[in-house]
Amino acid sequence: MPLRSLRLRLLASAAAAIFLALGVAGFGLDLLFERHIERREALSMEAKARELLGTLRLDEGGKPFVGTPPSDNRFSEPAGGLYWQVTAAAGQEHSPSLWDQSLPAAPDAPRDHWRVRRIPGPFEQGLLVIERMVRPDRSGRAVLVQVATDDSALIDAQREFGREMVGS
């Protein structure tokens, strides 16, 4: 078949369109998977945050304190990969896992829902964090509540999914 053959040009165009469509679909699936695992992890952290909120109080000076910290052992282990922090104008309290570090404050955190974002964290970890402003008592003083997890497992899962998808 000569190179100017209509059949050959149509075949080449169809092959290029198929490869382009596969690339776009792969990118879309990768993005959907990333959002899915991020949503699942955020829901897990929200459950831990509700456990934290159940015992969150402010002392007379407005400093937050947590009566009973969440039960997950990673909150107790220094650099354990799971962190909580409550911050008010009068001070802050955080999980033992943060050791001598702290999470960056977000004064623009929403009051009506949990915001999910990625931030650089302590111990050279990237973190997925949920945060929200709450009023734990009738005083009306706002407290920033943050729960964060090391995002390396999420990134590893996404890379593994991408490798398996390329192979398929």
C-alpha atoms as a PDB file:
ATOM      1  CA  MET A   1       0.000   0.000   0.000  1.00  0.00           C
ATOM      2  CA  PRO A   2       1.347   3.381  -0.890  1.00  0.00           C
ATOM      3  CA  LEU A   3       1.762   5.958   1.921  1.00  0.00           C
ATOM      4  CA  ARG A   4      -0.823   8.121   0.264  1.00  0.00           C
ATOM      5  CA  SER A   5      -3.390   5.375   0.586  1.00  0.00           C
ATOM      6  CA  LEU A   6      -6.632   6.500   2.209  1.00  0.00           C
ATOM      7  CA  ARG A   7      -6.915   3.187   4.046  1.00  0.00           C
ATOM      8  CA  LEU A   8      -3.458   3.584   5.634  1.00  0.00           C
ATOM      9  CA  ARG A   9      -4.121   7.174   6.660  1.00  0.00           C
ATOM     10  CA  LEU A  10      -7.459   6.234   8.223  1.00  0.00           C
ATOM     11  CA  LEU A  11      -5.829   3.354  10.082  1.00  0.00           C
ATOM     12  CA  ALA A  12      -3.055   5.611  11.419  1.00  0.00           C
ATOM     13  CA  SER A  13      -5.593   8.261  12.450  1.00  0.00           C
ATOM     14  CA  ALA A  14      -7.722   5.655  14.226  1.00  0.00           C
ATOM     15  CA  ALA A  15      -4.675   4.293  16.098  1.00  0.00           C
ATOM     16  CA  ALA A  16      -3.647   7.793  17.181  1.00  0.00           C
ATOM     17  CA  ALA A  17      -7.196   8.579  18.351  1.00  0.00           C
ATOM     18  CA  ILE A  18      -7.363   5.327  20.338  1.00  0.00           C
ATOM     19  CA  PHE A  19      -4.017   6.004  22.068  1.00  0.00           C
ATOM     20  CA  LEU A  20      -5.088   9.570  22.847  1.00  0.00           C
ATOM     21  CA  ALA A  21      -8.423   8.364  24.267  1.00  0.00           C
ATOM     22  CA  LEU A  22      -6.649   5.740  26.398  1.00  0.00           C
ATOM     23  CA  GLY A  23      -4.280   8.402  27.758  1.00  0.00           C
ATOM     24  CA  VAL A  24      -7.126  10.775  28.640  1.00  0.00           C
ATOM     25  CA  ALA A  25      -9.128   7.942  30.228  1.00  0.00           C
ATOM     26  CA  GLY A  26      -6.087   6.834  32.235  1.00  0.00           C
ATOM     27  CA  PHE A  27      -5.512  10.372  33.499  1.00  0.00           C
ATOM     28  CA  GLY A  28      -9.184  10.673  34.427  1.00  0.00           C
ATOM     29  CA  LEU A  29      -9.211   7.328  36.264  1.00  0.00           C
ATOM     30  CA  ASP A  30      -6.056   8.296  38.163  1.00  0.00           C
ATOM     31  CA  LEU A  31      -7.658  11.575  39.235  1.00  0.00           C
ATOM     32  CA  LEU A  32     -10.864   9.812  40.307  1.00  0.00           C
ATOM     33  CA  PHE A  33      -8.876   7.271  42.334  1.00  0.00           C
ATOM     34  CA  GLU A  34      -6.890  10.046  44.058  1.00  0.00           C
ATOM     35  CA  ARG A  35     -10.096  11.857  45.024  1.00  0.00           C
ATOM     36  CA  HIS A  36     -11.676   8.602  46.209  1.00  0.00           C
ATOM     37  CA  ILE A  37      -8.862   7.629  48.570  1.00  0.00           C
ATOM     38  CA  GLU A  38      -8.574  11.212  49.826  1.00  0.00           C
ATOM     39  CA  ARG A  39     -12.326  11.275  50.591  1.00  0.00           C
ATOM     40  CA  ARG A  40     -12.159   7.936  52.415  1.00  0.00           C
ATOM     41  CA  GLU A  41      -9.210   9.094  54.514  1.00  0.00           C
ATOM     42  CA  ALA A  42     -10.964  12.395  55.278  1.00  0.00           C
ATOM     43  CA  LEU A  43     -14.038  10.482  56.491  1.00  0.00           C
ATOM     44  CA  SER A  44     -11.821   8.368  58.741  1.00  0.00           C
ATOM     45  CA  MET A  45     -10.202  11.500  60.157  1.00  0.00           C
ATOM     46  CA  GLU A  46     -13.634  13.099  60.704  1.00  0.00           C
ATOM     47  CA  ALA A  47     -14.567  10.155  62.927  1.00  0.00           C
ATOM     48  CA  LYS A  48     -11.392  10.720  64.944  1.00  0.00           C
ATOM     49  CA  ALA A  49     -12.151  14.451  65.099  1.00  0.00           C
ATOM     50  CA  ARG A  50     -15.657  13.780  66.456  1.00  0.00           C
ATOM     51  CA  GLU A  51     -14.076  11.634  69.160  1.00  0.00           C
ATOM     52  CA  LEU A  52     -11.769  14.579  69.967  1.00  0.00           C
ATOM     53  CA  LEU A  53     -14.627  17.105  69.955  1.00  0.00           C
ATOM     54  CA  GLY A  54     -16.537  15.035  72.504  1.00  0.00           C
ATOM     55  CA  THR A  55     -14.044  15.949  75.241  1.00  0.00           C
ATOM     56  CA  LEU A  56     -12.830  19.361  74.027  1.00  0.00           C
ATOM     57  CA  ARG A  57     -13.312  22.149  76.597  1.00  0.00           C
ATOM     58  CA  LEU A  58     -11.984  25.620  77.293  1.00  0.00           C
ATOM     59  CA  ASP A  59     -10.594  26.539  80.699  1.00  0.00           C
ATOM     60  CA  GLU A  60     -11.419  29.843  82.411  1.00  0.00           C
ATOM     61  CA  GLY A  61      -8.720  31.650  80.425  1.00  0.00           C
ATOM     62  CA  GLY A  62      -9.964  30.284  77.103  1.00  0.00           C
ATOM     63  CA  LYS A  63      -7.135  27.766  76.609  1.00  0.00           C
ATOM     64  CA  PRO A  64      -8.379  24.525  75.040  1.00  0.00           C
ATOM     65  CA  PHE A  65      -7.904  21.172  76.687  1.00  0.00           C
ATOM     66  CA  VAL A  66      -8.935  17.675  75.707  1.00  0.00           C
ATOM     67  CA  GLY A  67     -10.182  15.433  78.516  1.00  0.00           C
ATOM     68  CA  THR A  68      -9.735  12.071  76.802  1.00  0.00           C
ATOM     69  CA  PRO A  69      -7.712  12.039  73.583  1.00  0.00           C
ATOM     70  CA  PRO A  70      -8.800   9.876  70.638  1.00  0.00           C
ATOM     71  CA  SER A  71      -8.109   6.183  71.090  1.00  0.00           C
ATOM     72  CA  ASP A  72      -5.883   5.525  68.053  1.00  0.00           C
ATOM     73  CA  ASN A  73      -2.379   4.671  69.340  1.00  0.00           C
ATOM     74  CA  ARG A  74      -0.686   6.592  66.531  1.00  0.00           C
ATOM     75  CA  PHE A  75      -1.752   9.822  68.274  1.00  0.00           C
ATOM     76  CA  SER A  76       0.466   8.844  71.231  1.00  0.00           C
ATOM     77  CA  GLU A  77       3.608   7.803  69.365  1.00  0.00           C
ATOM     78  CA  PRO A  78       6.025  10.659  68.493  1.00  0.00           C
ATOM     79  CA  ALA A  79       6.039  11.144  64.711  1.00  0.00           C
ATOM     80  CA  GLY A  80       3.385   8.401  64.562  1.00  0.00           C
ATOM     81  CA  GLY A  81       1.826   9.701  61.343  1.00  0.00           C
ATOM     82  CA  LEU A  82      -1.507  10.738  62.897  1.00  0.00           C
ATOM     83  CA  TYR A  83      -1.861  14.113  64.610  1.00  0.00           C
ATOM     84  CA  TRP A  84      -4.437  16.379  66.229  1.00  0.00           C
ATOM     85  CA  GLN A  85      -4.219  19.957  67.352  1.00  0.00           C
ATOM     86  CA  VAL A  86      -6.708  22.404  68.844  1.00  0.00           C
ATOM     87  CA  THR A  87      -5.850  26.089  68.732  1.00  0.00           C
ATOM     88  CA  ALA A  88      -7.600  29.017  70.396  1.00  0.00           C
ATOM     89  CA  ALA A  89      -6.588  32.632  70.900  1.00  0.00           C
ATOM     90  CA  ALA A  90      -5.412  31.771  74.434  1.00  0.00           C
ATOM     91  CA  GLY A  91      -3.251  28.775  73.453  1.00  0.00           C
ATOM     92  CA  GLN A  92      -3.179  25.349  71.934  1.00  0.00           C
ATOM     93  CA  GLU A  93      -3.032  21.674  72.800  1.00  0.00           C
ATOM     94  CA  HIS A  94      -1.858  18.900  70.529  1.00  0.00           C
ATOM     95  CA  SER A  95      -1.323  15.169  70.361  1.00  0.00           C
ATOM     96  CA  PRO A  96       1.866  13.640  71.786  1.00  0.00           C
ATOM     97  CA  SER A  97       2.617  12.446  68.253  1.00  0.00           C
ATOM     98  CA  LEU A  98       3.471  16.046  67.312  1.00  0.00           C
ATOM     99  CA  TRP A  99       6.129  16.040  70.028  1.00  0.00           C
ATOM    100  CA  ASP A 100       7.645  19.563  69.952  1.00  0.00           C
ATOM    101  CA  GLN A 101       6.165  20.452  66.557  1.00  0.00           C
ATOM    102  CA  SER A 102       2.865  22.062  65.607  1.00  0.00           C
ATOM    103  CA  LEU A 103       0.575  22.189  62.615  1.00  0.00           C
ATOM    104  CA  PRO A 104       0.356  25.481  60.724  1.00  0.00           C
ATOM    105  CA  ALA A 105      -2.686  27.443  61.872  1.00  0.00           C
ATOM    106  CA  ALA A 106      -5.431  28.254  59.396  1.00  0.00           C
ATOM    107  CA  PRO A 107      -7.439  31.233  60.647  1.00  0.00           C
ATOM    108  CA  ASP A 108      -9.672  31.084  57.562  1.00  0.00           C
ATOM    109  CA  ALA A 109     -10.931  27.562  58.317  1.00  0.00           C
ATOM    110  CA  PRO A 110     -14.668  27.123  57.712  1.00  0.00           C
ATOM    111  CA  ARG A 111     -17.211  26.914  60.520  1.00  0.00           C
ATOM    112  CA  ASP A 112     -19.851  24.808  58.795  1.00  0.00           C
ATOM    113  CA  HIS A 113     -17.856  21.905  57.307  1.00  0.00           C
ATOM    114  CA  TRP A 114     -14.500  20.171  57.418  1.00  0.00           C
ATOM    115  CA  ARG A 115     -11.978  21.514  54.931  1.00  0.00           C
ATOM    116  CA  VAL A 116      -9.501  19.026  53.473  1.00  0.00           C
ATOM    117  CA  ARG A 117      -6.099  20.162  52.267  1.00  0.00           C
ATOM    118  CA  ARG A 118      -2.527  18.973  51.909  1.00  0.00           C
ATOM    119  CA  ILE A 119       0.235  20.727  53.812  1.00  0.00           C
ATOM    120  CA  PRO A 120       3.912  20.199  54.574  1.00  0.00           C
ATOM    121  CA  GLY A 121       4.072  18.766  58.044  1.00  0.00           C
ATOM    122  CA  PRO A 122       6.451  18.035  60.859  1.00  0.00           C
ATOM    123  CA  PHE A 123       9.170  15.407  60.633  1.00  0.00           C
ATOM    124  CA  GLU A 124       9.526  16.068  56.884  1.00  0.00           C
ATOM    125  CA  GLN A 125       6.149  14.470  56.142  1.00  0.00           C
ATOM    126  CA  GLY A 126       3.486  15.642  53.763  1.00  0.00           C
ATOM    127  CA  LEU A 127       0.121  15.708  55.513  1.00  0.00           C
ATOM    128  CA  LEU A 128      -3.517  15.406  54.581  1.00  0.00           C
ATOM    129  CA  VAL A 129      -5.339  17.583  57.101  1.00  0.00           C
ATOM    130  CA  ILE A 130      -8.978  18.258  57.919  1.00  0.00           C
ATOM    131  CA  GLU A 131      -9.791  21.416  59.835  1.00  0.00           C
ATOM    132  CA  ARG A 132     -12.732  23.354  61.101  1.00  0.00           C
ATOM    133  CA  MET A 133     -13.537  26.185  63.504  1.00  0.00           C
ATOM    134  CA  VAL A 134     -15.853  25.112  66.350  1.00  0.00           C
ATOM    135  CA  ARG A 135     -17.305  26.654  69.501  1.00  0.00           C
ATOM    136  CA  PRO A 136     -16.954  23.973  72.198  1.00  0.00           C
ATOM    137  CA  ASP A 137     -18.962  25.807  74.873  1.00  0.00           C
ATOM    138  CA  ARG A 138     -21.433  28.622  75.364  1.00  0.00           C
ATOM    139  CA  SER A 139     -18.714  31.275  75.679  1.00  0.00           C
ATOM    140  CA  GLY A 140     -18.710  31.666  71.897  1.00  0.00           C
ATOM    141  CA  ARG A 141     -14.917  31.506  71.660  1.00  0.00           C
ATOM    142  CA  ALA A 142     -13.799  29.767  68.479  1.00  0.00           C
ATOM    143  CA  VAL A 143     -11.300  26.927  68.414  1.00  0.00           C
ATOM    144  CA  LEU A 144      -9.516  25.606  65.358  1.00  0.00           C
ATOM    145  CA  VAL A 145      -9.607  21.793  65.316  1.00  0.00           C
ATOM    146  CA  GLN A 146      -7.161  20.001  63.024  1.00  0.00           C
ATOM    147  CA  VAL A 147      -6.623  16.290  62.456  1.00  0.00           C
ATOM    148  CA  ALA A 148      -3.853  15.248  60.078  1.00  0.00           C
ATOM    149  CA  THR A 149      -2.312  12.084  58.711  1.00  0.00           C
ATOM    150  CA  ASP A 150       0.903  11.329  56.877  1.00  0.00           C
ATOM    151  CA  ASP A 151      -0.085  11.194  53.206  1.00  0.00           C
ATOM    152  CA  SER A 152       2.729   8.890  52.056  1.00  0.00           C
ATOM    153  CA  ALA A 153       0.470   5.800  52.135  1.00  0.00           C
ATOM    154  CA  LEU A 154      -2.074   7.617  49.958  1.00  0.00           C
ATOM    155  CA  ILE A 155       0.599   8.657  47.482  1.00  0.00           C
ATOM    156  CA  ASP A 156       1.989   5.097  47.383  1.00  0.00           C
ATOM    157  CA  ALA A 157      -1.499   3.698  46.703  1.00  0.00           C
ATOM    158  CA  GLN A 158      -2.007   6.176  43.884  1.00  0.00           C
ATOM    159  CA  ARG A 159       1.350   5.317  42.301  1.00  0.00           C
ATOM    160  CA  GLU A 160       0.616   1.592  42.534  1.00  0.00           C
ATOM    161  CA  PHE A 161      -2.787   2.127  40.932  1.00  0.00           C
ATOM    162  CA  GLY A 162      -1.165   4.136  38.138  1.00  0.00           C
ATOM    163  CA  ARG A 163       1.423   1.427  37.462  1.00  0.00           C
ATOM    164  CA  GLU A 164      -1.228  -1.287  37.342  1.00  0.00           C
ATOM    165  CA  MET A 165      -3.425   0.821  35.094  1.00  0.00           C
ATOM    166  CA  VAL A 166      -0.594   1.476  32.632  1.00  0.00           C
ATOM    167  CA  GLY A 167       0.086  -2.257  32.522  1.00  0.00           C
ATOM    168  CA  SER A 168      -3.514  -3.014  31.764  1.00  0.00           C
END
